[in-house]
């Protein structure tokens, strides 16, 4: 079941990115997704390993993705201003960012979100903190108390049942 879920998700993702659908695009999507799933079947996340796989959690995941797109746009504009400025106003720094996220998946999602946002890069992840490189003081300050961590905490809270993750299988 897990492999089918990932196959469907990867095909849909491919089709969304492709923009135009033809039988060749769909065939390429299916073949590529099958290769990815087959070569990674031992490391694929099962639905019960993903926090928030329920009605409220899925709504929060959607909010998370939409908010990330907004944050991505804002960060791109900030980095573009820095790069296009006659004087590069950078002040690189590494910050220690304590996190309250309990799940491994949640910490990986947060670390990846930080790394995908221009101007920041997650260098190290531990059980209760992240080490983040930031291009500017503003980017470093923005990581602390970032709305994305709060959204992940809300997603995490939707999946808890008796101290464990809700079983979605």
Protein backbone atom coordinates (compact mmCIF):
# COMPACT_ATOMS: atom_id res chain seq x y z
CA UNK A 1 0.00 0.00 0.00
CA UNK A 2 2.83 2.40 0.85
CA UNK A 3 4.46 1.93 -2.54
CA UNK A 4 1.19 2.59 -4.37
CA UNK A 5 0.62 5.77 -2.33
CA UNK A 6 4.11 7.07 -3.22
CA UNK A 7 3.70 6.07 -6.85
CA UNK A 8 0.45 8.05 -7.11
CA UNK A 9 1.93 11.06 -5.29
CA UNK A 10 5.03 11.12 -7.50
CA UNK A 11 3.01 10.81 -10.70
CA UNK A 12 0.71 13.64 -9.58
CA UNK A 13 3.71 15.77 -8.63
CA UNK A 14 5.28 15.14 -12.06
CA UNK A 15 2.07 16.05 -13.83
CA UNK A 16 1.66 19.27 -11.84
CA UNK A 17 5.20 20.32 -12.70
CA UNK A 18 4.85 19.29 -16.35
CA UNK A 19 1.99 21.71 -16.95
CA UNK A 20 0.90 20.02 -20.17
CA UNK A 21 -0.56 16.53 -20.31
CA UNK A 22 -0.17 14.12 -23.16
CA UNK A 23 0.10 10.36 -23.19
CA UNK A 24 3.90 10.72 -23.44
CA UNK A 25 4.06 12.95 -20.34
CA UNK A 26 1.83 10.58 -18.35
CA UNK A 27 3.87 7.57 -19.47
CA UNK A 28 7.13 9.30 -18.53
CA UNK A 29 5.65 10.21 -15.13
CA UNK A 30 4.56 6.64 -14.42
CA UNK A 31 7.87 5.10 -15.54
CA UNK A 32 9.95 7.61 -13.57
CA UNK A 33 7.79 7.19 -10.46
CA UNK A 34 8.01 3.40 -10.71
CA UNK A 35 11.81 3.59 -10.91
CA UNK A 36 12.01 5.94 -7.92
CA UNK A 37 9.65 3.81 -5.82
CA UNK A 38 11.36 0.54 -6.80
CA UNK A 39 14.84 1.84 -5.99
CA UNK A 40 13.77 3.40 -2.67
CA UNK A 41 11.14 0.95 -1.39
CA UNK A 42 13.05 0.23 1.84
CA UNK A 43 13.28 3.90 2.79
CA UNK A 44 9.79 5.13 1.88
CA UNK A 45 7.78 6.63 4.71
CA UNK A 46 4.65 4.77 5.67
CA UNK A 47 1.48 6.88 6.18
CA UNK A 48 1.51 6.18 9.93
CA UNK A 49 5.04 7.63 10.16
CA UNK A 50 3.89 11.00 8.83
CA UNK A 51 2.37 13.29 11.47
CA UNK A 52 -1.02 14.80 10.79
CA UNK A 53 -2.38 12.25 8.35
CA UNK A 54 -6.01 13.00 9.21
CA UNK A 55 -8.60 15.61 8.22
CA UNK A 56 -7.31 18.51 10.32
CA UNK A 57 -3.69 17.51 9.76
CA UNK A 58 -4.07 17.44 5.98
CA UNK A 59 -5.61 20.92 6.10
CA UNK A 60 -2.60 22.09 8.14
CA UNK A 61 -0.19 20.45 5.65
CA UNK A 62 -1.90 22.40 2.87
CA UNK A 63 -1.54 25.62 4.89
CA UNK A 64 2.12 24.70 5.50
CA UNK A 65 2.82 24.28 1.79
CA UNK A 66 1.01 27.50 0.86
CA UNK A 67 2.79 29.44 3.60
CA UNK A 68 6.12 27.98 2.47
CA UNK A 69 5.49 29.27 -1.06
CA UNK A 70 4.90 32.75 0.40
CA UNK A 71 8.04 32.53 2.58
CA UNK A 72 10.01 31.29 -0.43
CA UNK A 73 8.88 34.28 -2.49
CA UNK A 74 9.76 36.73 0.30
CA UNK A 75 13.21 35.18 0.80
CA UNK A 76 13.92 35.25 -2.94
CA UNK A 77 13.10 38.97 -3.03
CA UNK A 78 15.37 39.64 -0.03
CA UNK A 79 18.28 37.68 -1.51
CA UNK A 80 17.79 39.36 -4.91
CA UNK A 81 17.99 42.78 -3.21
CA UNK A 82 21.23 41.75 -1.52
CA UNK A 83 22.78 40.40 -4.71
CA UNK A 84 21.71 43.36 -6.85
CA UNK A 85 22.80 45.95 -4.30
CA UNK A 86 26.01 47.85 -5.14
CA UNK A 87 27.31 46.91 -1.69
CA UNK A 88 26.67 43.36 -0.60
CA UNK A 89 25.03 43.79 2.78
CA UNK A 90 25.68 40.31 4.06
CA UNK A 91 26.56 39.30 7.58
CA UNK A 92 26.88 35.52 7.47
CA UNK A 93 26.41 33.71 10.75
CA UNK A 94 25.66 30.31 12.18
CA UNK A 95 22.90 30.20 14.75
CA UNK A 96 21.75 27.55 17.19
CA UNK A 97 18.00 27.10 16.80
CA UNK A 98 16.30 25.10 19.58
CA UNK A 99 13.15 23.37 18.37
CA UNK A 100 10.16 21.87 20.15
CA UNK A 101 9.34 19.50 17.30
CA UNK A 102 9.34 15.94 18.61
CA UNK A 103 9.07 13.77 15.50
CA UNK A 104 11.99 12.93 13.24
CA UNK A 105 9.83 13.60 10.20
CA UNK A 106 8.88 17.03 11.57
CA UNK A 107 12.51 17.97 12.22
CA UNK A 108 13.54 16.81 8.74
CA UNK A 109 10.69 18.80 7.16
CA UNK A 110 11.70 21.92 9.12
CA UNK A 111 15.40 21.49 8.28
CA UNK A 112 14.56 20.98 4.60
CA UNK A 113 12.22 23.97 4.56
CA UNK A 114 14.97 26.14 6.04
CA UNK A 115 17.50 24.86 3.49
CA UNK A 116 15.14 25.41 0.56
CA UNK A 117 14.58 29.02 1.61
CA UNK A 118 17.17 31.29 -0.02
CA UNK A 119 19.59 32.86 2.45
CA UNK A 120 19.49 29.99 4.97
CA UNK A 121 20.94 26.50 5.15
CA UNK A 122 20.51 23.85 7.84
CA UNK A 123 23.94 22.52 8.79
CA UNK A 124 23.14 20.06 11.58
CA UNK A 125 20.03 18.57 13.18
CA UNK A 126 19.83 17.05 16.65
CA UNK A 127 16.92 15.79 18.73
CA UNK A 128 16.11 19.25 20.10
CA UNK A 129 17.88 21.78 17.90
CA UNK A 130 19.17 22.78 14.49
CA UNK A 131 22.30 24.65 13.48
CA UNK A 132 21.51 27.07 10.67
CA UNK A 133 23.75 29.21 8.47
CA UNK A 134 22.13 32.52 7.56
CA UNK A 135 23.30 35.01 4.96
CA UNK A 136 22.17 38.07 6.97
CA UNK A 137 21.25 39.03 10.52
CA UNK A 138 17.63 39.44 9.40
CA UNK A 139 17.55 35.92 7.98
CA UNK A 140 19.04 34.58 11.22
CA UNK A 141 16.48 36.47 13.31
CA UNK A 142 13.72 35.21 11.01
CA UNK A 143 14.54 31.56 11.70
CA UNK A 144 13.94 32.04 15.43
CA UNK A 145 10.18 31.92 16.04
CA UNK A 146 9.45 31.18 12.37
CA UNK A 147 5.79 30.47 11.61
CA UNK A 148 6.81 27.26 9.82
CA UNK A 149 7.91 25.64 13.09
CA UNK A 150 4.61 26.62 14.71
CA UNK A 151 2.66 25.07 11.84
CA UNK A 152 4.67 21.85 12.16
CA UNK A 153 3.95 21.79 15.90
CA UNK A 154 0.23 22.09 15.13
CA UNK A 155 0.50 19.28 12.57
CA UNK A 156 2.33 17.15 15.13
CA UNK A 157 -0.41 17.78 17.68
CA UNK A 158 -3.12 16.52 15.30
CA UNK A 159 -1.46 13.12 15.02
CA UNK A 160 -1.00 12.33 18.70
CA UNK A 161 -3.14 9.61 20.20
CA UNK A 162 -2.08 8.16 23.55
CA UNK A 163 1.44 9.49 23.10
CA UNK A 164 1.96 7.89 19.67
CA UNK A 165 1.17 8.78 16.09
CA UNK A 166 -2.30 8.09 14.82
CA UNK A 167 -2.33 4.87 12.82
CA UNK A 168 -3.65 5.69 9.37
CA UNK A 169 -3.42 2.27 7.77
